[in-house]
Amino acid sequence: MLVGWTILILFLVGYFSFAGAMVWHMKTYAYGRAAKWTVALFLTLAAVLALAALLLFALVKWKEILNIYA
């Protein structure tokens, strides 16, 4: 299970680094209120998806899955 959590954390770190790069580029190169609205929507969706990934990962019965392959 520790390996799974490690992989999930590495995925989330990469996910948020790419999300941060996108937000930085949008704030730097986009103009107007539409850019601010889009950034806010993107950040909200990114947070919701990351939370969903954590919750769904925690709900998986990993011992049962490992017993199938063992």
PDB file of N, CA and C in Angstrom:
ATOM      1  N   MET A   1       0.821  -1.186   0.000  1.00  0.00           N
ATOM      2  CA  MET A   1       0.000   0.000   0.000  1.00  0.00           C
ATOM      3  C   MET A   1       0.868   1.253   0.000  1.00  0.00           C
ATOM      4  N   LEU A   2       2.014   1.190   0.638  1.00  0.00           N
ATOM      5  CA  LEU A   2       2.918   2.336   0.671  1.00  0.00           C
ATOM      6  C   LEU A   2       3.386   2.695  -0.737  1.00  0.00           C
ATOM      7  N   VAL A   3       3.610   1.688  -1.566  1.00  0.00           N
ATOM      8  CA  VAL A   3       4.032   1.942  -2.943  1.00  0.00           C
ATOM      9  C   VAL A   3       2.923   2.671  -3.705  1.00  0.00           C
ATOM     10  N   GLY A   4       1.690   2.260  -3.494  1.00  0.00           N
ATOM     11  CA  GLY A   4       0.565   2.913  -4.149  1.00  0.00           C
ATOM     12  C   GLY A   4       0.417   4.371  -3.745  1.00  0.00           C
ATOM     13  N   TRP A   5       0.520   4.638  -2.447  1.00  0.00           N
ATOM     14  CA  TRP A   5       0.423   6.022  -1.975  1.00  0.00           C
ATOM     15  C   TRP A   5       1.579   6.863  -2.506  1.00  0.00           C
ATOM     16  N   THR A   6       2.764   6.269  -2.607  1.00  0.00           N
ATOM     17  CA  THR A   6       3.911   6.989  -3.144  1.00  0.00           C
ATOM     18  C   THR A   6       3.683   7.368  -4.602  1.00  0.00           C
ATOM     19  N   ILE A   7       3.172   6.428  -5.380  1.00  0.00           N
ATOM     20  CA  ILE A   7       2.881   6.705  -6.784  1.00  0.00           C
ATOM     21  C   ILE A   7       1.808   7.776  -6.905  1.00  0.00           C
ATOM     22  N   LEU A   8       0.778   7.713  -6.073  1.00  0.00           N
ATOM     23  CA  LEU A   8      -0.280   8.722  -6.106  1.00  0.00           C
ATOM     24  C   LEU A   8       0.264  10.100  -5.754  1.00  0.00           C
ATOM     25  N   ILE A   9       1.106  10.180  -4.750  1.00  0.00           N
ATOM     26  CA  ILE A   9       1.684  11.469  -4.360  1.00  0.00           C
ATOM     27  C   ILE A   9       2.561  12.016  -5.486  1.00  0.00           C
ATOM     28  N   LEU A  10       3.362  11.166  -6.115  1.00  0.00           N
ATOM     29  CA  LEU A  10       4.182  11.623  -7.239  1.00  0.00           C
ATOM     30  C   LEU A  10       3.307  12.108  -8.394  1.00  0.00           C
ATOM     31  N   PHE A  11       2.216  11.402  -8.661  1.00  0.00           N
ATOM     32  CA  PHE A  11       1.286  11.840  -9.701  1.00  0.00           C
ATOM     33  C   PHE A  11       0.697  13.202  -9.363  1.00  0.00           C
ATOM     34  N   LEU A  12       0.269  13.396  -8.117  1.00  0.00           N
ATOM     35  CA  LEU A  12      -0.327  14.668  -7.727  1.00  0.00           C
ATOM     36  C   LEU A  12       0.687  15.812  -7.765  1.00  0.00           C
ATOM     37  N   VAL A  13       1.935  15.540  -7.412  1.00  0.00           N
ATOM     38  CA  VAL A  13       2.973  16.571  -7.495  1.00  0.00           C
ATOM     39  C   VAL A  13       3.160  16.997  -8.957  1.00  0.00           C
ATOM     40  N   GLY A  14       3.231  16.037  -9.854  1.00  0.00           N
ATOM     41  CA  GLY A  14       3.343  16.358 -11.274  1.00  0.00           C
ATOM     42  C   GLY A  14       2.120  17.078 -11.790  1.00  0.00           C
ATOM     43  N   TYR A  15       0.953  16.626 -11.368  1.00  0.00           N
ATOM     44  CA  TYR A  15      -0.310  17.237 -11.786  1.00  0.00           C
ATOM     45  C   TYR A  15      -0.362  18.700 -11.370  1.00  0.00           C
ATOM     46  N   PHE A  16      -0.007  18.988 -10.123  1.00  0.00           N
ATOM     47  CA  PHE A  16      -0.062  20.368  -9.657  1.00  0.00           C
ATOM     48  C   PHE A  16       1.066  21.224 -10.224  1.00  0.00           C
ATOM     49  N   SER A  17       2.202  20.623 -10.572  1.00  0.00           N
ATOM     50  CA  SER A  17       3.248  21.420 -11.203  1.00  0.00           C
ATOM     51  C   SER A  17       2.823  21.832 -12.614  1.00  0.00           C
ATOM     52  N   PHE A  18       2.205  20.924 -13.366  1.00  0.00           N
ATOM     53  CA  PHE A  18       1.702  21.291 -14.687  1.00  0.00           C
ATOM     54  C   PHE A  18       0.532  22.264 -14.587  1.00  0.00           C
ATOM     55  N   ALA A  19      -0.335  22.063 -13.607  1.00  0.00           N
ATOM     56  CA  ALA A  19      -1.446  22.996 -13.400  1.00  0.00           C
ATOM     57  C   ALA A  19      -0.920  24.379 -13.030  1.00  0.00           C
ATOM     58  N   GLY A  20       0.091  24.432 -12.183  1.00  0.00           N
ATOM     59  CA  GLY A  20       0.687  25.711 -11.813  1.00  0.00           C
ATOM     60  C   GLY A  20       1.332  26.405 -12.998  1.00  0.00           C
ATOM     61  N   ALA A  21       1.986  25.625 -13.861  1.00  0.00           N
ATOM     62  CA  ALA A  21       2.586  26.222 -15.060  1.00  0.00           C
ATOM     63  C   ALA A  21       1.513  26.789 -15.974  1.00  0.00           C
ATOM     64  N   MET A  22       0.407  26.082 -16.100  1.00  0.00           N
ATOM     65  CA  MET A  22      -0.678  26.579 -16.946  1.00  0.00           C
ATOM     66  C   MET A  22      -1.272  27.865 -16.379  1.00  0.00           C
ATOM     67  N   VAL A  23      -1.485  27.886 -15.087  1.00  0.00           N
ATOM     68  CA  VAL A  23      -2.039  29.083 -14.447  1.00  0.00           C
ATOM     69  C   VAL A  23      -1.070  30.256 -14.592  1.00  0.00           C
ATOM     70  N   TRP A  24       0.210  30.018 -14.396  1.00  0.00           N
ATOM     71  CA  TRP A  24       1.195  31.085 -14.528  1.00  0.00           C
ATOM     72  C   TRP A  24       1.201  31.648 -15.955  1.00  0.00           C
ATOM     73  N   HIS A  25       1.157  30.762 -16.953  1.00  0.00           N
ATOM     74  CA  HIS A  25       1.143  31.226 -18.336  1.00  0.00           C
ATOM     75  C   HIS A  25      -0.133  31.999 -18.653  1.00  0.00           C
ATOM     76  N   MET A  26      -1.260  31.534 -18.138  1.00  0.00           N
ATOM     77  CA  MET A  26      -2.505  32.245 -18.405  1.00  0.00           C
ATOM     78  C   MET A  26      -2.510  33.623 -17.757  1.00  0.00           C
ATOM     79  N   LYS A  27      -2.000  33.704 -16.546  1.00  0.00           N
ATOM     80  CA  LYS A  27      -1.964  35.008 -15.871  1.00  0.00           C
ATOM     81  C   LYS A  27      -0.950  35.943 -16.518  1.00  0.00           C
ATOM     82  N   THR A  28       0.113  35.386 -17.076  1.00  0.00           N
ATOM     83  CA  THR A  28       1.148  36.217 -17.682  1.00  0.00           C
ATOM     84  C   THR A  28       0.755  36.706 -19.074  1.00  0.00           C
ATOM     85  N   TYR A  29       0.190  35.818 -19.885  1.00  0.00           N
ATOM     86  CA  TYR A  29      -0.021  36.147 -21.295  1.00  0.00           C
ATOM     87  C   TYR A  29      -1.470  36.440 -21.672  1.00  0.00           C
ATOM     88  N   ALA A  30      -2.406  36.233 -20.785  1.00  0.00           N
ATOM     89  CA  ALA A  30      -3.813  36.507 -21.100  1.00  0.00           C
ATOM     90  C   ALA A  30      -4.218  37.841 -20.485  1.00  0.00           C
ATOM     91  N   TYR A  31      -5.172  38.464 -21.106  1.00  0.00           N
ATOM     92  CA  TYR A  31      -5.621  39.774 -20.649  1.00  0.00           C
ATOM     93  C   TYR A  31      -7.112  39.729 -20.343  1.00  0.00           C
ATOM     94  N   GLY A  32      -7.534  40.600 -19.474  1.00  0.00           N
ATOM     95  CA  GLY A  32      -8.952  40.768 -19.221  1.00  0.00           C
ATOM     96  C   GLY A  32      -9.498  39.891 -18.113  1.00  0.00           C
ATOM     97  N   ARG A  33     -10.803  40.091 -17.873  1.00  0.00           N
ATOM     98  CA  ARG A  33     -11.476  39.346 -16.810  1.00  0.00           C
ATOM     99  C   ARG A  33     -11.690  37.892 -17.186  1.00  0.00           C
ATOM    100  N   ALA A  34     -11.776  37.599 -18.482  1.00  0.00           N
ATOM    101  CA  ALA A  34     -11.990  36.212 -18.905  1.00  0.00           C
ATOM    102  C   ALA A  34     -10.851  35.313 -18.444  1.00  0.00           C
ATOM    103  N   ALA A  35      -9.635  35.817 -18.464  1.00  0.00           N
ATOM    104  CA  ALA A  35      -8.488  35.019 -18.014  1.00  0.00           C
ATOM    105  C   ALA A  35      -8.590  34.731 -16.520  1.00  0.00           C
ATOM    106  N   LYS A  36      -8.979  35.713 -15.742  1.00  0.00           N
ATOM    107  CA  LYS A  36      -9.109  35.499 -14.297  1.00  0.00           C
ATOM    108  C   LYS A  36     -10.214  34.498 -14.000  1.00  0.00           C
ATOM    109  N   TRP A  37     -11.319  34.572 -14.724  1.00  0.00           N
ATOM    110  CA  TRP A  37     -12.424  33.639 -14.533  1.00  0.00           C
ATOM    111  C   TRP A  37     -11.997  32.220 -14.919  1.00  0.00           C
ATOM    112  N   THR A  38     -11.265  32.107 -16.021  1.00  0.00           N
ATOM    113  CA  THR A  38     -10.805  30.793 -16.476  1.00  0.00           C
ATOM    114  C   THR A  38      -9.818  30.184 -15.487  1.00  0.00           C
ATOM    115  N   VAL A  39      -8.919  30.985 -14.966  1.00  0.00           N
ATOM    116  CA  VAL A  39      -7.940  30.495 -13.987  1.00  0.00           C
ATOM    117  C   VAL A  39      -8.657  30.024 -12.727  1.00  0.00           C
ATOM    118  N   ALA A  40      -9.633  30.794 -12.261  1.00  0.00           N
ATOM    119  CA  ALA A  40     -10.377  30.395 -11.060  1.00  0.00           C
ATOM    120  C   ALA A  40     -11.124  29.087 -11.292  1.00  0.00           C
ATOM    121  N   LEU A  41     -11.749  28.945 -12.452  1.00  0.00           N
ATOM    122  CA  LEU A  41     -12.458  27.702 -12.777  1.00  0.00           C
ATOM    123  C   LEU A  41     -11.486  26.531 -12.860  1.00  0.00           C
ATOM    124  N   PHE A  42     -10.355  26.739 -13.507  1.00  0.00           N
ATOM    125  CA  PHE A  42      -9.368  25.677 -13.646  1.00  0.00           C
ATOM    126  C   PHE A  42      -8.830  25.236 -12.291  1.00  0.00           C
ATOM    127  N   LEU A  43      -8.516  26.187 -11.432  1.00  0.00           N
ATOM    128  CA  LEU A  43      -8.004  25.835 -10.102  1.00  0.00           C
ATOM    129  C   LEU A  43      -9.045  25.091  -9.279  1.00  0.00           C
ATOM    130  N   THR A  44     -10.296  25.502  -9.380  1.00  0.00           N
ATOM    131  CA  THR A  44     -11.361  24.810  -8.658  1.00  0.00           C
ATOM    132  C   THR A  44     -11.511  23.377  -9.145  1.00  0.00           C
ATOM    133  N   LEU A  45     -11.541  23.190 -10.474  1.00  0.00           N
ATOM    134  CA  LEU A  45     -11.661  21.837 -11.017  1.00  0.00           C
ATOM    135  C   LEU A  45     -10.442  20.978 -10.680  1.00  0.00           C
ATOM    136  N   ALA A  46      -9.255  21.575 -10.705  1.00  0.00           N
ATOM    137  CA  ALA A  46      -8.047  20.816 -10.362  1.00  0.00           C
ATOM    138  C   ALA A  46      -8.094  20.349  -8.911  1.00  0.00           C
ATOM    139  N   ALA A  47      -8.548  21.210  -8.011  1.00  0.00           N
ATOM    140  CA  ALA A  47      -8.649  20.828  -6.603  1.00  0.00           C
ATOM    141  C   ALA A  47      -9.697  19.734  -6.400  1.00  0.00           C
ATOM    142  N   VAL A  48     -10.825  19.846  -7.083  1.00  0.00           N
ATOM    143  CA  VAL A  48     -11.881  18.834  -6.960  1.00  0.00           C
ATOM    144  C   VAL A  48     -11.396  17.489  -7.491  1.00  0.00           C
ATOM    145  N   LEU A  49     -10.719  17.495  -8.631  1.00  0.00           N
ATOM    146  CA  LEU A  49     -10.217  16.242  -9.197  1.00  0.00           C
ATOM    147  C   LEU A  49      -9.126  15.617  -8.323  1.00  0.00           C
ATOM    148  N   ALA A  50      -8.272  16.437  -7.741  1.00  0.00           N
ATOM    149  CA  ALA A  50      -7.240  15.898  -6.843  1.00  0.00           C
ATOM    150  C   ALA A  50      -7.872  15.296  -5.588  1.00  0.00           C
ATOM    151  N   LEU A  51      -8.874  15.954  -5.046  1.00  0.00           N
ATOM    152  CA  LEU A  51      -9.572  15.417  -3.881  1.00  0.00           C
ATOM    153  C   LEU A  51     -10.286  14.115  -4.232  1.00  0.00           C
ATOM    154  N   ALA A  52     -10.911  14.065  -5.400  1.00  0.00           N
ATOM    155  CA  ALA A  52     -11.576  12.838  -5.844  1.00  0.00           C
ATOM    156  C   ALA A  52     -10.571  11.703  -6.011  1.00  0.00           C
ATOM    157  N   ALA A  53      -9.387  12.004  -6.536  1.00  0.00           N
ATOM    158  CA  ALA A  53      -8.353  10.979  -6.690  1.00  0.00           C
ATOM    159  C   ALA A  53      -7.925  10.426  -5.338  1.00  0.00           C
ATOM    160  N   LEU A  54      -7.751  11.301  -4.369  1.00  0.00           N
ATOM    161  CA  LEU A  54      -7.366  10.844  -3.027  1.00  0.00           C
ATOM    162  C   LEU A  54      -8.457   9.999  -2.377  1.00  0.00           C
ATOM    163  N   LEU A  55      -9.698  10.450  -2.483  1.00  0.00           N
ATOM    164  CA  LEU A  55     -10.796   9.709  -1.863  1.00  0.00           C
ATOM    165  C   LEU A  55     -11.008   8.355  -2.525  1.00  0.00           C
ATOM    166  N   LEU A  56     -10.998   8.323  -3.851  1.00  0.00           N
ATOM    167  CA  LEU A  56     -11.193   7.056  -4.550  1.00  0.00           C
ATOM    168  C   LEU A  56     -10.034   6.100  -4.311  1.00  0.00           C
ATOM    169  N   PHE A  57      -8.835   6.624  -4.236  1.00  0.00           N
ATOM    170  CA  PHE A  57      -7.673   5.784  -3.960  1.00  0.00           C
ATOM    171  C   PHE A  57      -7.777   5.159  -2.577  1.00  0.00           C
ATOM    172  N   ALA A  58      -8.281   5.931  -1.618  1.00  0.00           N
ATOM    173  CA  ALA A  58      -8.415   5.419  -0.253  1.00  0.00           C
ATOM    174  C   ALA A  58      -9.527   4.378  -0.151  1.00  0.00           C
ATOM    175  N   LEU A  59     -10.524   4.438  -1.033  1.00  0.00           N
ATOM    176  CA  LEU A  59     -11.645   3.498  -0.975  1.00  0.00           C
ATOM    177  C   LEU A  59     -11.345   2.141  -1.606  1.00  0.00           C
ATOM    178  N   VAL A  60     -10.294   2.060  -2.394  1.00  0.00           N
ATOM    179  CA  VAL A  60      -9.959   0.799  -3.053  1.00  0.00           C
ATOM    180  C   VAL A  60      -9.490  -0.210  -2.014  1.00  0.00           C
ATOM    181  N   LYS A  61      -9.980  -1.423  -2.123  1.00  0.00           N
ATOM    182  CA  LYS A  61      -9.580  -2.492  -1.206  1.00  0.00           C
ATOM    183  C   LYS A  61      -8.319  -3.160  -1.779  1.00  0.00           C
ATOM    184  N   TRP A  62      -7.172  -2.579  -1.423  1.00  0.00           N
ATOM    185  CA  TRP A  62      -5.915  -3.001  -2.028  1.00  0.00           C
ATOM    186  C   TRP A  62      -5.517  -4.411  -1.633  1.00  0.00           C
ATOM    187  N   LYS A  63      -5.837  -4.833  -0.423  1.00  0.00           N
ATOM    188  CA  LYS A  63      -5.467  -6.194   0.016  1.00  0.00           C
ATOM    189  C   LYS A  63      -6.191  -7.245  -0.825  1.00  0.00           C
ATOM    190  N   GLU A  64      -7.449  -6.990  -1.171  1.00  0.00           N
ATOM    191  CA  GLU A  64      -8.194  -7.935  -1.996  1.00  0.00           C
ATOM    192  C   GLU A  64      -7.610  -7.997  -3.400  1.00  0.00           C
ATOM    193  N   ILE A  65      -7.230  -6.860  -3.926  1.00  0.00           N
ATOM    194  CA  ILE A  65      -6.641  -6.835  -5.262  1.00  0.00           C
ATOM    195  C   ILE A  65      -5.302  -7.562  -5.268  1.00  0.00           C
ATOM    196  N   LEU A  66      -4.487  -7.330  -4.243  1.00  0.00           N
ATOM    197  CA  LEU A  66      -3.192  -8.007  -4.175  1.00  0.00           C
ATOM    198  C   LEU A  66      -3.357  -9.513  -3.983  1.00  0.00           C
ATOM    199  N   ASN A  67      -4.399  -9.929  -3.275  1.00  0.00           N
ATOM    200  CA  ASN A  67      -4.643 -11.377  -3.093  1.00  0.00           C
ATOM    201  C   ASN A  67      -5.041 -12.038  -4.394  1.00  0.00           C
ATOM    202  N   ILE A  68      -5.670 -11.325  -5.290  1.00  0.00           N
ATOM    203  CA  ILE A  68      -6.047 -11.895  -6.590  1.00  0.00           C
ATOM    204  C   ILE A  68      -4.788 -12.225  -7.395  1.00  0.00           C
ATOM    205  N   TYR A  69      -3.801 -11.348  -7.355  1.00  0.00           N
ATOM    206  CA  TYR A  69      -2.595 -11.543  -8.135  1.00  0.00           C
ATOM    207  C   TYR A  69      -1.524 -12.342  -7.418  1.00  0.00           C
ATOM    208  N   ALA A  70      -1.714 -12.630  -6.158  1.00  0.00           N
ATOM    209  CA  ALA A  70      -0.701 -13.382  -5.403  1.00  0.00           C
ATOM    210  C   ALA A  70      -0.875 -14.864  -5.551  1.00  0.00           C
TER     211      ALA A  70
END
